[in-house]
Amino acid sequence: MSGTPDASHTDQRLTNLEIKASYTEDLLDQLDAVIVRQQQQIDLLISEITRLRQPVPESGVSAVRNPRDELPPHY
């Protein structure tokens, strides 16, 4: 049966579908890796934003200055 033209055509189509499925599976794995990396970056950014929103402790020397304090007197 594999010697008939229809069987050869079917085998070729099946081979092409297997190749496409293989490429699709590889692409899916790559996309999964991208999503994992992006989620890690999002988590890092969320923790950084949370840290930045925390109030700065008051100390004798202010590490954070108000830009208005830096204006020359003529303003």
Protein backbone atom coordinates (compact mmCIF):
# COMPACT_ATOMS: atom_id res chain seq x y z
CA MET A 1 0.00 0.00 0.00
CA SER A 2 2.91 2.37 0.65
CA GLY A 3 3.90 2.01 -3.02
CA THR A 4 0.75 3.71 -4.35
CA PRO A 5 0.82 7.42 -5.22
CA ASP A 6 -1.97 8.18 -2.73
CA ALA A 7 -0.06 6.51 0.13
CA SER A 8 3.12 8.40 -0.77
CA HIS A 9 1.19 11.66 -0.79
CA THR A 10 -0.41 10.81 2.56
CA ASP A 11 2.98 9.91 4.04
CA GLN A 12 4.41 13.25 2.85
CA ARG A 13 1.47 15.15 4.31
CA LEU A 14 1.85 13.29 7.60
CA THR A 15 5.58 14.07 7.66
CA ASN A 16 4.85 17.76 7.00
CA LEU A 17 2.30 17.82 9.82
CA GLU A 18 4.80 16.21 12.20
CA ILE A 19 7.40 18.84 11.27
CA LYS A 20 4.90 21.65 11.83
CA ALA A 21 3.89 20.15 15.18
CA SER A 22 7.55 19.95 16.19
CA TYR A 23 8.15 23.61 15.28
CA THR A 24 4.96 24.61 17.09
CA GLU A 25 6.03 22.75 20.23
CA ASP A 26 9.45 24.44 20.14
CA LEU A 27 7.84 27.85 19.69
CA LEU A 28 5.51 27.18 22.62
CA ASP A 29 8.49 26.27 24.82
CA GLN A 30 10.24 29.50 23.81
CA LEU A 31 7.13 31.56 24.56
CA ASP A 32 6.77 29.87 27.95
CA ALA A 33 10.37 30.84 28.77
CA VAL A 34 9.65 34.45 27.78
CA ILE A 35 6.55 34.54 29.96
CA VAL A 36 8.46 33.14 32.95
CA ARG A 37 11.22 35.76 32.48
CA GLN A 38 8.70 38.58 32.14
CA GLN A 39 6.85 37.46 35.27
CA GLN A 40 10.13 37.48 37.20
CA GLN A 41 10.80 41.01 35.95
CA ILE A 42 7.29 42.11 36.92
CA ASP A 43 7.70 40.64 40.40
CA LEU A 44 11.04 42.44 40.79
CA LEU A 45 9.53 45.73 39.66
CA ILE A 46 6.58 45.36 42.03
CA SER A 47 8.90 44.77 44.96
CA GLU A 48 11.02 47.77 43.92
CA ILE A 49 7.95 50.01 43.68
CA THR A 50 6.79 48.78 47.07
CA ARG A 51 10.20 49.58 48.55
CA LEU A 52 10.22 53.03 46.95
CA ARG A 53 6.77 53.85 48.33
CA GLN A 54 7.86 53.20 51.89
CA PRO A 55 8.45 56.40 53.86
CA VAL A 56 12.03 57.50 54.31
CA PRO A 57 13.08 57.43 57.96
CA GLU A 58 13.83 60.85 59.42
CA SER A 59 17.43 61.40 60.42
CA GLY A 60 19.67 64.30 61.36
CA VAL A 61 20.84 64.70 57.77
CA SER A 62 18.17 64.48 55.12
CA ALA A 63 19.29 62.23 52.29
CA VAL A 64 16.35 63.31 50.16
CA ARG A 65 16.13 66.99 49.38
CA ASN A 66 13.19 68.93 48.15
CA PRO A 67 14.07 70.53 44.79
CA ARG A 68 12.30 73.74 45.92
CA ASP A 69 14.91 74.12 48.64
CA GLU A 70 17.54 74.35 45.92
CA LEU A 71 15.97 77.37 44.12
CA PRO A 72 17.98 80.57 44.18
CA PRO A 73 16.53 83.37 46.37
CA HIS A 74 15.34 85.49 43.44
CA TYR A 75 12.67 82.95 42.56
